Amino acid sequence: MSSKNPVEAPASALALTPIVLFLSLFIGVGSYLHWQGVEFAFYQLPAPIAIIPAVVLALVLSKDKLNHSIEQLVGGMANHNIITMCIIYLLAGAFSSVAKASGGAEAVVALALNGVPSWFLLPGIFIVSGLIATAMGTSMGTIAAVAPIALGIAQAANIDPVFMAGAVLGGAMFGDNLSIISDTTIAATRTQGCAMKDKFKQNLGIAIPAALITIALLFIANDSAPIEPLTVEQPLSALPYLIILLMAVVGVNVFVVLFSGIILAGVTAMLSSEYSTLSFANDVYTGFTGMQEIFLLSLFIGGLSALMRHQGGLNFIQQRVNRWVNQASYKSFSAQIGIALITALSNLAVANNTVAILLAGDITKQLAQQNNISAARSASLMDIFACVIQGLIPYGAQALLLGSLFALSPLMVVSSAWYPMVLAVVALVVMLKRK
């Protein structure tokens, strides 16, 4: 991964207006309809439709020829990270669909409810998600593997699915932030020029306290009633889930994990019931089609981000924060806040934590060197605040995937994502103590 910042356009606040328009439509219309008492208010205006006016505005604002601007849009859609997420969406949808049709979800839920105390279900899911994400190095792969099980547990134990989705998201972001094989860790350490172990030590002192506080909050929110032991009618159908969780913990590639899960779920269903090959094929396709909304939105987000980047939107953010840091009294503390702000605002604009770190890498490294901040501290702050924003934006891949699997609005998902919120507070406290 290169540490060179690809943003070369003159700084422009106007270039950021498309993302403001999208958020205004997406959140504004949903909020208005909710206040009017409309059911499923945030589903009335589909997000892929809400973002189209923003894309059009970005094309209008571009000073390049229309054909060139459209090339930038399509290039952003074809970004490696965007396509990777879209493939994960499809595989996750297919696995969830096949496992549900084959009875695997019910079997795993029954085993989990029989083995875990009802008062520890929410904290337990957070911990499991965190361990898997640390091993896999990807929050998306973790969510795809854990979410179907978590949803089944929430339904069986009468736990609010919003809290359960927040627990999965929080655990996934915790592990992704700490993992030494995560894209964000690699990007942060390479752009800042530090060793992974040094960045890991810096992160640990912030992430562990935040995780413990989150576990305590989830323990308080866990309102599951005592559950009677459940009968596992088809224990064989639980095998695919157990195998993919084991593969995830070992650190197998996310694509291999999900593809293996789909095949294993189909095979075990055929062995234990009258499940045909055609039924398997149709369930896989049903899973694909269930991901249509987030698939389209992710493509548009990628294209819109590329247009704003080429038009100087990210340059505007970075220059303004840099200017503020240079004028502040407490240079070291202000520089740390500046590193966090530049990364966070870049992430808000591009909706991808790895890309945000790569884009902000040069200017944050410069800020750190000018203000005697260690490279490990700078890398840690970048990774932490990219994690915070990625876990709280309703148009981020993680919230979209969970919203699709749980049948919840992405806004509801991020509203219960307590770990990123707590992580931000703990990080700020640590910065104040060490200023």
Protein backbone atom coordinates (compact mmCIF):
# COMPACT_ATOMS: atom_id res chain seq x y z
CA MET A 1 0.00 0.00 0.00
CA SER A 2 1.37 3.38 -0.93
CA SER A 3 1.55 6.18 1.57
CA LYS A 4 1.30 8.84 -1.08
CA ASN A 5 -1.79 10.97 -0.83
CA PRO A 6 -3.63 10.93 -4.16
CA VAL A 7 -5.54 14.15 -3.44
CA GLU A 8 -4.07 16.87 -5.64
CA ALA A 9 -7.06 19.09 -6.42
CA PRO A 10 -7.28 22.58 -4.84
CA ALA A 11 -9.11 22.57 -1.51
CA SER A 12 -12.84 23.12 -1.93
CA ALA A 13 -15.61 23.15 0.68
CA LEU A 14 -18.13 23.04 -2.16
CA ALA A 15 -16.90 19.57 -3.08
CA LEU A 16 -18.30 18.24 0.22
CA THR A 17 -21.88 19.38 -0.43
CA PRO A 18 -22.91 16.15 -2.24
CA ILE A 19 -22.35 14.02 0.89
CA VAL A 20 -24.27 16.62 2.93
CA LEU A 21 -27.14 16.41 0.44
CA PHE A 22 -27.20 12.62 0.64
CA LEU A 23 -27.23 12.59 4.45
CA SER A 24 -29.90 15.29 4.51
CA LEU A 25 -32.16 13.23 2.25
CA PHE A 26 -31.39 9.85 3.81
CA ILE A 27 -31.68 10.92 7.45
CA GLY A 28 -33.99 13.90 7.00
CA VAL A 29 -36.76 12.15 5.09
CA GLY A 30 -36.65 9.16 7.42
CA SER A 31 -36.77 11.36 10.52
CA TYR A 32 -39.65 13.42 9.16
CA LEU A 33 -41.70 10.34 8.30
CA HIS A 34 -40.91 8.84 11.70
CA TRP A 35 -42.26 11.94 13.42
CA GLN A 36 -45.37 11.64 11.24
CA GLY A 37 -45.94 8.15 12.62
CA VAL A 38 -45.14 6.29 9.39
CA GLU A 39 -44.12 2.67 9.96
CA PHE A 40 -40.66 1.67 8.74
CA ALA A 41 -40.00 5.37 8.10
CA PHE A 42 -36.36 4.95 7.12
CA TYR A 43 -37.27 2.37 4.48
CA GLN A 44 -39.64 4.67 2.59
CA LEU A 45 -36.83 6.39 0.66
CA PRO A 46 -34.34 3.68 -0.36
CA ALA A 47 -30.75 4.76 0.26
CA PRO A 48 -29.60 3.96 -3.33
CA ILE A 49 -32.24 6.41 -4.55
CA ALA A 50 -31.39 9.05 -1.93
CA ILE A 51 -27.76 9.11 -3.08
CA ILE A 52 -28.54 9.66 -6.79
CA PRO A 53 -29.20 13.44 -6.40
CA ALA A 54 -25.87 13.69 -4.56
CA VAL A 55 -24.05 11.93 -7.40
CA VAL A 56 -25.71 14.24 -9.93
CA LEU A 57 -24.70 17.27 -7.86
CA ALA A 58 -21.10 16.03 -7.71
CA LEU A 59 -21.06 15.68 -11.51
CA VAL A 60 -22.49 19.20 -11.90
CA LEU A 61 -19.89 20.66 -9.53
CA SER A 62 -17.01 19.02 -11.38
CA LYS A 63 -14.84 21.35 -13.43
CA ASP A 64 -13.74 18.51 -15.67
CA LYS A 65 -15.50 17.46 -18.84
CA LEU A 66 -18.55 15.30 -18.22
CA ASN A 67 -16.98 12.22 -19.78
CA HIS A 68 -13.93 12.55 -17.54
CA SER A 69 -16.10 13.06 -14.45
CA ILE A 70 -18.11 9.96 -15.29
CA GLU A 71 -14.82 8.04 -15.64
CA GLN A 72 -13.89 9.22 -12.13
CA LEU A 73 -17.29 8.09 -10.86
CA VAL A 74 -16.98 4.65 -12.43
CA GLY A 75 -13.36 4.36 -11.28
CA GLY A 76 -14.48 4.99 -7.70
CA MET A 77 -17.16 2.34 -8.06
CA ALA A 78 -14.54 -0.11 -9.33
CA ASN A 79 -12.20 0.57 -6.40
CA HIS A 80 -10.68 -2.63 -4.98
CA ASN A 81 -12.14 -2.01 -1.52
CA ILE A 82 -15.64 -1.35 -2.88
CA ILE A 83 -15.68 -4.47 -5.07
CA THR A 84 -14.33 -6.55 -2.18
CA MET A 85 -17.15 -5.36 0.07
CA CYS A 86 -19.75 -6.07 -2.60
CA ILE A 87 -18.53 -9.65 -3.03
CA ILE A 88 -18.65 -10.13 0.75
CA TYR A 89 -22.24 -8.84 0.70
CA LEU A 90 -23.23 -11.45 -1.89
CA LEU A 91 -21.48 -14.34 -0.14
CA ALA A 92 -22.85 -13.34 3.27
CA GLY A 93 -26.37 -13.12 1.88
CA ALA A 94 -26.07 -16.49 0.19
CA PHE A 95 -24.69 -18.20 3.30
CA SER A 96 -27.41 -16.72 5.51
CA SER A 97 -30.12 -17.77 3.06
CA VAL A 98 -28.88 -21.36 2.63
CA ALA A 99 -28.19 -21.87 6.34
CA LYS A 100 -31.66 -20.60 7.23
CA ALA A 101 -33.37 -22.82 4.66
CA SER A 102 -31.39 -25.87 5.79
CA GLY A 103 -32.16 -25.39 9.49
CA GLY A 104 -28.55 -24.63 10.43
CA ALA A 105 -29.38 -21.32 12.08
CA GLU A 106 -31.95 -22.89 14.40
CA ALA A 107 -29.54 -25.67 15.41
CA VAL A 108 -26.70 -23.27 16.26
CA VAL A 109 -29.06 -20.97 18.17
CA ALA A 110 -30.33 -23.91 20.23
CA LEU A 111 -26.77 -25.03 21.02
CA ALA A 112 -25.76 -21.49 21.98
CA LEU A 113 -28.78 -20.93 24.20
CA ASN A 114 -28.19 -24.26 25.92
CA GLY A 115 -24.52 -23.49 26.55
CA VAL A 116 -24.45 -19.78 27.46
CA PRO A 117 -26.25 -18.24 30.46
CA SER A 118 -29.11 -16.02 29.33
CA TRP A 119 -27.71 -13.07 31.31
CA PHE A 120 -24.47 -13.19 29.31
CA LEU A 121 -25.80 -13.44 25.75
CA LEU A 122 -25.20 -9.82 24.68
CA PRO A 123 -21.71 -9.51 26.23
CA GLY A 124 -20.91 -12.99 24.93
CA ILE A 125 -21.73 -12.06 21.33
CA PHE A 126 -19.56 -8.93 21.67
CA ILE A 127 -16.62 -11.00 22.91
CA VAL A 128 -17.04 -13.69 20.22
CA SER A 129 -17.22 -11.02 17.49
CA GLY A 130 -14.12 -9.34 18.89
CA LEU A 131 -12.10 -12.55 18.98
CA ILE A 132 -13.08 -13.53 15.44
CA ALA A 133 -12.38 -10.05 14.05
CA THR A 134 -8.97 -10.02 15.73
CA ALA A 135 -8.13 -13.36 14.11
CA MET A 136 -9.58 -12.55 10.68
CA GLY A 137 -8.51 -8.91 10.51
CA THR A 138 -11.83 -7.89 8.96
CA SER A 139 -14.98 -6.50 10.53
CA MET A 140 -17.00 -7.32 7.41
CA GLY A 141 -16.06 -11.00 7.44
CA THR A 142 -16.81 -11.18 11.15
CA ILE A 143 -20.26 -9.65 10.74
CA ALA A 144 -21.04 -11.99 7.86
CA ALA A 145 -20.11 -15.02 9.99
CA VAL A 146 -21.61 -13.99 13.33
CA ALA A 147 -24.71 -11.93 12.47
CA PRO A 148 -27.02 -14.81 11.42
CA ILE A 149 -26.30 -16.64 14.69
CA ALA A 150 -26.72 -13.45 16.73
CA LEU A 151 -30.05 -12.68 15.10
CA GLY A 152 -31.37 -16.16 15.84
CA ILE A 153 -30.27 -15.87 19.47
CA ALA A 154 -31.93 -12.47 19.81
CA GLN A 155 -35.22 -13.79 18.43
CA ALA A 156 -35.19 -16.92 20.58
CA ALA A 157 -34.21 -15.09 23.78
CA ASN A 158 -36.46 -12.04 23.21
CA ILE A 159 -33.47 -9.69 23.17
CA ASP A 160 -33.96 -6.40 21.33
CA PRO A 161 -32.36 -7.05 17.91
CA VAL A 162 -31.09 -3.46 17.85
CA PHE A 163 -28.94 -4.17 20.92
CA MET A 164 -27.76 -7.46 19.43
CA ALA A 165 -26.78 -5.77 16.15
CA GLY A 166 -24.87 -3.14 18.14
CA ALA A 167 -23.04 -5.87 20.07
CA VAL A 168 -21.97 -7.60 16.84
CA LEU A 169 -20.87 -4.32 15.26
CA GLY A 170 -18.98 -3.22 18.37
CA GLY A 171 -17.13 -6.52 18.69
CA ALA A 172 -16.27 -6.54 15.00
CA MET A 173 -14.84 -3.03 15.16
CA PHE A 174 -12.91 -3.83 18.36
CA GLY A 175 -11.18 -6.82 16.74
CA ASP A 176 -10.60 -5.07 13.42
CA ASN A 177 -8.96 -2.15 15.24
CA LEU A 178 -6.59 -4.39 17.24
CA SER A 179 -5.79 -7.08 14.67
CA ILE A 180 -2.25 -6.97 13.28
CA ILE A 181 -3.47 -8.40 9.95
CA SER A 182 -6.24 -5.84 9.48
CA ASP A 183 -6.07 -3.56 6.42
CA THR A 184 -6.43 -0.54 8.71
CA THR A 185 -3.49 -1.61 10.88
CA ILE A 186 -1.31 -2.21 7.83
CA ALA A 187 -2.31 1.14 6.30
CA ALA A 188 -1.79 3.09 9.54
CA THR A 189 1.63 1.60 10.34
CA ARG A 190 2.92 1.94 6.77
CA THR A 191 1.80 5.55 6.32
CA GLN A 192 3.23 6.59 9.72
CA GLY A 193 6.38 4.45 9.50
CA CYS A 194 6.18 2.41 12.71
CA ALA A 195 6.28 -1.23 13.76
CA MET A 196 2.97 -3.07 14.16
CA LYS A 197 3.82 -4.20 17.69
CA ASP A 198 4.39 -0.59 18.80
CA LYS A 199 1.08 0.53 17.34
CA PHE A 200 -0.60 -2.50 18.95
CA LYS A 201 0.72 -1.51 22.40
CA GLN A 202 -0.60 2.02 21.95
CA ASN A 203 -4.01 0.72 20.88
CA LEU A 204 -4.25 -1.81 23.67
CA GLY A 205 -4.27 0.82 26.43
CA ILE A 206 -7.30 2.48 24.86
CA ALA A 207 -9.23 -0.40 23.28
CA ILE A 208 -9.25 -2.74 26.31
CA PRO A 209 -10.78 -0.20 28.75
CA ALA A 210 -13.34 0.75 26.09
CA ALA A 211 -14.20 -2.93 25.55
CA LEU A 212 -14.63 -3.55 29.30
CA ILE A 213 -16.96 -0.56 29.63
CA THR A 214 -18.95 -1.77 26.62
CA ILE A 215 -19.27 -5.27 28.10
CA ALA A 216 -20.61 -3.71 31.31
CA LEU A 217 -23.17 -1.68 29.33
CA LEU A 218 -24.25 -4.75 27.36
CA PHE A 219 -24.58 -6.70 30.61
CA ILE A 220 -26.94 -4.01 31.93
CA ALA A 221 -28.91 -3.96 28.66
CA ASN A 222 -29.20 -7.77 28.52
CA ASP A 223 -32.88 -8.28 29.38
CA SER A 224 -33.24 -11.92 28.33
CA ALA A 225 -35.55 -14.00 30.47
CA PRO A 226 -34.39 -17.47 31.63
CA ILE A 227 -34.62 -19.89 28.72
CA GLU A 228 -35.72 -23.49 28.93
CA PRO A 229 -33.27 -26.02 27.41
CA LEU A 230 -33.96 -26.42 23.70
CA THR A 231 -33.91 -29.63 21.67
CA VAL A 232 -31.49 -29.73 18.76
CA GLU A 233 -33.42 -31.69 16.15
CA GLN A 234 -30.77 -31.68 13.41
CA PRO A 235 -27.35 -31.29 15.04
CA LEU A 236 -25.59 -32.02 11.73
CA SER A 237 -26.99 -28.82 10.24
CA ALA A 238 -25.06 -26.79 12.84
CA LEU A 239 -21.74 -28.11 11.53
CA PRO A 240 -21.25 -25.46 8.78
CA TYR A 241 -21.56 -22.64 11.31
CA LEU A 242 -19.14 -24.26 13.72
CA ILE A 243 -16.62 -24.92 10.92
CA ILE A 244 -16.69 -21.38 9.53
CA LEU A 245 -16.37 -19.90 13.02
CA LEU A 246 -13.33 -22.12 13.58
CA MET A 247 -11.90 -21.09 10.21
CA ALA A 248 -12.50 -17.45 11.10
CA VAL A 249 -10.74 -17.78 14.46
CA VAL A 250 -7.77 -19.44 12.77
CA GLY A 251 -7.60 -16.50 10.36
CA VAL A 252 -8.61 -18.07 7.04
CA ASN A 253 -9.37 -15.65 4.19
CA VAL A 254 -12.90 -14.26 4.44
CA PHE A 255 -13.84 -15.36 0.92
CA VAL A 256 -12.75 -18.92 1.64
CA VAL A 257 -14.68 -18.88 4.92
CA LEU A 258 -17.95 -17.70 3.39
CA PHE A 259 -17.73 -19.85 0.25
CA SER A 260 -16.96 -22.91 2.37
CA GLY A 261 -19.93 -22.08 4.59
CA ILE A 262 -22.29 -21.93 1.62
CA ILE A 263 -21.13 -25.30 0.25
CA LEU A 264 -21.14 -27.00 3.66
CA ALA A 265 -24.62 -25.67 4.51
CA GLY A 266 -25.96 -26.99 1.22
CA VAL A 267 -24.28 -30.40 1.55
CA THR A 268 -25.40 -30.99 5.14
CA ALA A 269 -28.96 -30.00 4.22
CA MET A 270 -28.96 -32.51 1.36
CA LEU A 271 -27.66 -35.26 3.68
CA SER A 272 -30.18 -34.63 6.45
CA SER A 273 -33.34 -33.77 4.49
CA GLU A 274 -34.96 -33.71 1.07
CA TYR A 275 -33.05 -30.62 0.05
CA SER A 276 -32.35 -30.64 -3.67
CA THR A 277 -29.58 -29.10 -5.72
CA LEU A 278 -32.10 -26.79 -7.37
CA SER A 279 -33.34 -25.62 -3.97
CA PHE A 280 -29.74 -24.91 -3.00
CA ALA A 281 -29.16 -22.89 -6.19
CA ASN A 282 -32.36 -20.90 -5.65
CA ASP A 283 -31.50 -20.16 -2.02
CA VAL A 284 -28.05 -18.91 -3.05
CA TYR A 285 -29.67 -16.59 -5.58
CA THR A 286 -32.25 -15.45 -3.02
CA GLY A 287 -29.33 -14.49 -0.75
CA PHE A 288 -27.74 -12.54 -3.59
CA THR A 289 -30.93 -10.58 -4.33
CA GLY A 290 -31.38 -9.78 -0.64
CA MET A 291 -28.16 -7.76 -0.80
CA GLN A 292 -29.25 -5.65 -3.76
CA GLU A 293 -29.79 -2.41 -1.79
CA ILE A 294 -26.47 -2.32 0.02
CA PHE A 295 -24.68 -3.55 -3.10
CA LEU A 296 -25.96 -0.58 -5.11
CA LEU A 297 -25.44 1.93 -2.32
CA SER A 298 -21.82 0.82 -1.82
CA LEU A 299 -21.10 1.29 -5.52
CA PHE A 300 -22.59 4.79 -5.47
CA ILE A 301 -20.71 5.66 -2.26
CA GLY A 302 -17.45 4.59 -3.91
CA GLY A 303 -18.14 6.70 -6.99
CA LEU A 304 -19.27 9.75 -4.99
CA SER A 305 -16.19 9.56 -2.77
CA ALA A 306 -13.92 9.52 -5.82
CA LEU A 307 -15.61 12.61 -7.26
CA MET A 308 -15.34 14.54 -3.99
CA ARG A 309 -11.70 13.53 -3.64
CA HIS A 310 -10.85 14.70 -7.18
CA GLN A 311 -12.68 17.98 -6.57
CA GLY A 312 -10.67 18.85 -3.45
CA GLY A 313 -13.14 18.02 -0.69
CA LEU A 314 -10.64 16.03 1.35
CA ASN A 315 -7.94 18.63 0.78
CA PHE A 316 -10.27 21.23 2.28
CA ILE A 317 -10.75 19.13 5.43
CA GLN A 318 -7.05 18.44 5.84
CA GLN A 319 -5.91 22.03 5.28
CA ARG A 320 -8.45 23.49 7.72
CA VAL A 321 -7.52 21.08 10.49
CA ASN A 322 -3.79 21.63 9.88
CA ARG A 323 -4.25 25.39 10.08
CA TRP A 324 -6.14 25.07 13.38
CA VAL A 325 -3.41 22.89 14.89
CA ASN A 326 -0.70 25.38 13.94
CA GLN A 327 -2.61 28.18 15.71
CA ALA A 328 -3.38 26.22 18.90
CA SER A 329 -1.62 26.75 22.24
CA TYR A 330 -1.03 23.14 23.33
CA LYS A 331 0.70 21.97 20.18
CA SER A 332 1.16 18.31 21.09
CA PHE A 333 -2.41 17.82 22.32
CA SER A 334 -3.84 19.85 19.43
CA ALA A 335 -1.80 17.84 16.94
CA GLN A 336 -3.21 14.60 18.34
CA ILE A 337 -6.73 16.02 18.05
CA GLY A 338 -5.82 17.13 14.54
CA ILE A 339 -4.69 13.62 13.56
CA ALA A 340 -7.94 12.22 14.92
CA LEU A 341 -10.04 14.89 13.18
CA ILE A 342 -8.39 14.58 9.79
CA THR A 343 -8.85 10.80 9.85
CA ALA A 344 -12.42 11.01 11.12
CA LEU A 345 -13.55 13.64 8.62
CA SER A 346 -11.84 11.80 5.76
CA ASN A 347 -13.70 8.65 6.83
CA LEU A 348 -17.00 10.56 6.90
CA ALA A 349 -16.36 11.59 3.30
CA VAL A 350 -15.23 8.26 1.84
CA ALA A 351 -17.09 5.79 4.14
CA ASN A 352 -14.13 3.41 4.19
CA ASN A 353 -11.70 3.35 7.11
CA THR A 354 -8.75 1.88 5.18
CA VAL A 355 -9.08 4.40 2.33
CA ALA A 356 -9.47 7.25 4.84
CA ILE A 357 -6.20 6.27 6.56
CA LEU A 358 -4.35 6.08 3.25
CA LEU A 359 -5.70 9.46 2.14
CA ALA A 360 -4.87 11.19 5.43
CA GLY A 361 -1.54 9.41 5.94
CA ASP A 362 0.88 12.04 4.62
CA ILE A 363 -0.56 15.05 6.42
CA THR A 364 -1.00 13.20 9.74
CA LYS A 365 2.59 11.97 9.58
CA GLN A 366 3.73 15.53 8.98
CA LEU A 367 1.66 16.77 11.93
CA ALA A 368 3.13 14.07 14.18
CA GLN A 369 6.74 14.82 13.20
CA GLN A 370 6.32 18.59 13.62
CA ASN A 371 4.88 18.17 17.12
CA ASN A 372 7.10 15.37 18.49
CA ILE A 373 4.37 12.73 18.48
CA SER A 374 5.63 9.18 18.04
CA ALA A 375 4.77 7.35 14.85
CA ALA A 376 3.15 4.59 16.91
CA ARG A 377 0.87 7.09 18.66
CA SER A 378 -0.07 8.71 15.37
CA ALA A 379 -0.84 5.32 13.75
CA SER A 380 -2.87 4.30 16.78
CA LEU A 381 -4.96 7.48 16.73
CA MET A 382 -5.62 7.13 13.01
CA ASP A 383 -6.77 3.53 13.34
CA ILE A 384 -8.89 4.28 16.43
CA PHE A 385 -10.78 7.22 14.98
CA ALA A 386 -11.23 5.55 11.62
CA CYS A 387 -12.77 2.68 13.60
CA VAL A 388 -14.99 5.09 15.56
CA ILE A 389 -16.42 6.76 12.48
CA GLN A 390 -16.75 3.56 10.45
CA GLY A 391 -18.78 2.03 13.28
CA LEU A 392 -21.11 5.03 13.54
CA ILE A 393 -21.91 6.08 9.97
CA PRO A 394 -25.22 4.61 8.75
CA TYR A 395 -23.89 4.47 5.18
CA GLY A 396 -20.81 2.46 6.13
CA ALA A 397 -20.47 -1.12 4.89
CA GLN A 398 -20.71 -2.63 8.38
CA ALA A 399 -23.98 -0.91 9.35
CA LEU A 400 -25.46 -1.63 5.93
CA LEU A 401 -24.63 -5.33 6.10
CA LEU A 402 -26.01 -5.69 9.63
CA GLY A 403 -29.10 -3.68 8.73
CA SER A 404 -29.74 -5.98 5.78
CA LEU A 405 -29.21 -9.21 7.77
CA PHE A 406 -31.24 -8.01 10.78
CA ALA A 407 -33.93 -6.22 8.71
CA LEU A 408 -33.17 -2.99 10.58
CA SER A 409 -32.51 0.55 9.46
CA PRO A 410 -28.75 1.24 9.43
CA LEU A 411 -29.51 4.24 11.64
CA MET A 412 -30.94 1.92 14.28
CA VAL A 413 -27.89 -0.31 14.03
CA VAL A 414 -25.39 2.51 14.65
CA SER A 415 -27.56 3.96 17.45
CA SER A 416 -26.71 0.90 19.56
CA ALA A 417 -23.07 0.60 18.50
CA TRP A 418 -21.77 1.56 21.93
CA TYR A 419 -18.20 0.39 21.54
CA PRO A 420 -17.17 3.04 18.94
CA MET A 421 -18.78 5.75 21.11
CA VAL A 422 -17.00 4.56 24.26
CA LEU A 423 -13.73 4.14 22.32
CA ALA A 424 -13.84 7.79 21.21
CA VAL A 425 -14.40 9.00 24.80
CA VAL A 426 -11.63 6.80 26.24
CA ALA A 427 -9.21 7.94 23.50
CA LEU A 428 -9.94 11.60 24.26
CA VAL A 429 -9.42 11.04 27.99
CA VAL A 430 -6.08 9.34 27.32
CA MET A 431 -5.00 12.21 25.06
CA LEU A 432 -5.91 14.75 27.77
CA LYS A 433 -3.95 12.82 30.39
CA ARG A 434 -0.88 12.63 28.16
CA LYS A 435 -1.04 16.08 26.58
